[in-house]
C-alpha atoms as a PDB file:
ATOM      1  CA  MET A   1       0.001  -0.045   0.027  1.00  0.00           C
ATOM      2  CA  GLY A   2       1.157   3.503  -0.749  1.00  0.00           C
ATOM      3  CA  THR A   3       1.683   6.163   1.933  1.00  0.00           C
ATOM      4  CA  ALA A   4      -1.716   7.696   1.156  1.00  0.00           C
ATOM      5  CA  HIS A   5      -3.439   4.683   2.680  1.00  0.00           C
ATOM      6  CA  TYR A   6      -2.578   5.205   6.352  1.00  0.00           C
ATOM      7  CA  ALA A   7      -4.795   4.093   9.118  1.00  0.00           C
ATOM      8  CA  VAL A   8      -7.117   6.815  10.380  1.00  0.00           C
ATOM      9  CA  HIS A   9      -9.194   4.986  12.951  1.00  0.00           C
ATOM     10  CA  GLY A  10      -8.843   6.501  16.363  1.00  0.00           C
ATOM     11  CA  GLU A  11      -7.015   9.628  15.181  1.00  0.00           C
ATOM     12  CA  THR A  12      -8.231  13.028  16.183  1.00  0.00           C
ATOM     13  CA  ALA A  13      -9.232  15.999  13.962  1.00  0.00           C
ATOM     14  CA  VAL A  14     -10.755  19.480  14.451  1.00  0.00           C
ATOM     15  CA  VAL A  15     -14.059  20.515  12.899  1.00  0.00           C
ATOM     16  CA  THR A  16     -13.518  23.570  10.607  1.00  0.00           C
ATOM     17  CA  GLU A  17     -17.069  23.697   9.179  1.00  0.00           C
ATOM     18  CA  GLU A  18     -20.089  22.530  11.167  1.00  0.00           C
ATOM     19  CA  ILE A  19     -20.891  18.860  10.669  1.00  0.00           C
ATOM     20  CA  ILE A  20     -24.563  18.036  10.011  1.00  0.00           C
ATOM     21  CA  PRO A  21     -25.684  14.440   9.491  1.00  0.00           C
ATOM     22  CA  ASN A  22     -26.277  13.566   5.831  1.00  0.00           C
ATOM     23  CA  SER A  23     -25.017  16.954   4.677  1.00  0.00           C
ATOM     24  CA  THR A  24     -21.990  17.425   2.442  1.00  0.00           C
ATOM     25  CA  LYS A  25     -21.013  20.710   4.225  1.00  0.00           C
ATOM     26  CA  GLY A  26     -18.947  19.347   7.108  1.00  0.00           C
ATOM     27  CA  LYS A  27     -15.151  19.687   7.161  1.00  0.00           C
ATOM     28  CA  VAL A  28     -12.367  18.835   9.450  1.00  0.00           C
ATOM     29  CA  GLU A  29      -8.659  19.609   9.681  1.00  0.00           C
ATOM     30  CA  PHE A  30      -6.696  16.323   9.840  1.00  0.00           C
ATOM     31  CA  HIS A  31      -2.851  16.104   9.846  1.00  0.00           C
ATOM     32  CA  GLY A  32      -2.662  19.602   8.314  1.00  0.00           C
ATOM     33  CA  SER A  33      -5.161  18.932   5.490  1.00  0.00           C
ATOM     34  CA  PHE A  34      -8.863  19.743   5.113  1.00  0.00           C
ATOM     35  CA  TRP A  35     -11.223  16.817   4.610  1.00  0.00           C
ATOM     36  CA  ASN A  36     -14.934  16.524   4.061  1.00  0.00           C
ATOM     37  CA  ALA A  37     -16.518  14.951   7.167  1.00  0.00           C
ATOM     38  CA  ASP A  38     -19.733  13.231   8.112  1.00  0.00           C
ATOM     39  CA  ALA A  39     -21.097  12.090  11.473  1.00  0.00           C
ATOM     40  CA  ASP A  40     -24.282  10.786  12.995  1.00  0.00           C
ATOM     41  CA  VAL A  41     -24.783  13.821  15.146  1.00  0.00           C
ATOM     42  CA  GLU A  42     -24.279  17.551  14.660  1.00  0.00           C
ATOM     43  CA  ILE A  43     -20.831  18.734  15.674  1.00  0.00           C
ATOM     44  CA  ALA A  44     -20.037  22.398  16.022  1.00  0.00           C
ATOM     45  CA  LYS A  45     -17.069  24.253  14.467  1.00  0.00           C
ATOM     46  CA  GLY A  46     -13.907  24.077  16.656  1.00  0.00           C
ATOM     47  CA  GLN A  47     -14.833  20.779  18.342  1.00  0.00           C
ATOM     48  CA  LYS A  48     -12.376  17.857  18.476  1.00  0.00           C
ATOM     49  CA  VAL A  49     -13.536  14.723  16.921  1.00  0.00           C
ATOM     50  CA  THR A  50     -12.347  11.092  16.649  1.00  0.00           C
ATOM     51  CA  VAL A  51     -11.966   9.631  13.169  1.00  0.00           C
ATOM     52  CA  LEU A  52     -13.795   6.361  12.647  1.00  0.00           C
ATOM     53  CA  GLU A  53     -13.092   5.593   9.035  1.00  0.00           C
ATOM     54  CA  ARG A  54     -12.280   7.067   5.601  1.00  0.00           C
ATOM     55  CA  HIS A  55     -14.394   6.798   2.442  1.00  0.00           C
ATOM     56  CA  ASN A  56     -12.322   8.376  -0.400  1.00  0.00           C
ATOM     57  CA  LEU A  57     -11.976  12.027   0.585  1.00  0.00           C
ATOM     58  CA  THR A  58     -14.608  11.964   3.359  1.00  0.00           C
ATOM     59  CA  LEU A  59     -13.872  11.102   6.980  1.00  0.00           C
ATOM     60  CA  LYS A  60     -16.574   9.528   9.179  1.00  0.00           C
ATOM     61  CA  VAL A  61     -16.124  11.096  12.664  1.00  0.00           C
ATOM     62  CA  GLN A  62     -17.699  11.105  16.068  1.00  0.00           C
ATOM     63  CA  PRO A  63     -17.459  13.664  18.962  1.00  0.00           C
ATOM     64  CA  TYR A  64     -14.187  13.336  20.847  1.00  0.00           C
ATOM     65  CA  ASN A  65     -14.526  11.932  24.336  1.00  0.00           C
END
């Protein structure tokens, strides 16, 4: 596997655009890059999140706890 296919599960990211379930607007900053993000709950801008998985250029996240 190439270096682009690193494991993301359990990593943390920061929400840069509010995440709304089933919306394409959510964004996070992850390792210095901006990614589209989706979650099962609303997560406000500035919140820390845990990355669950990656689908192409979208990260599935949940609130950090």
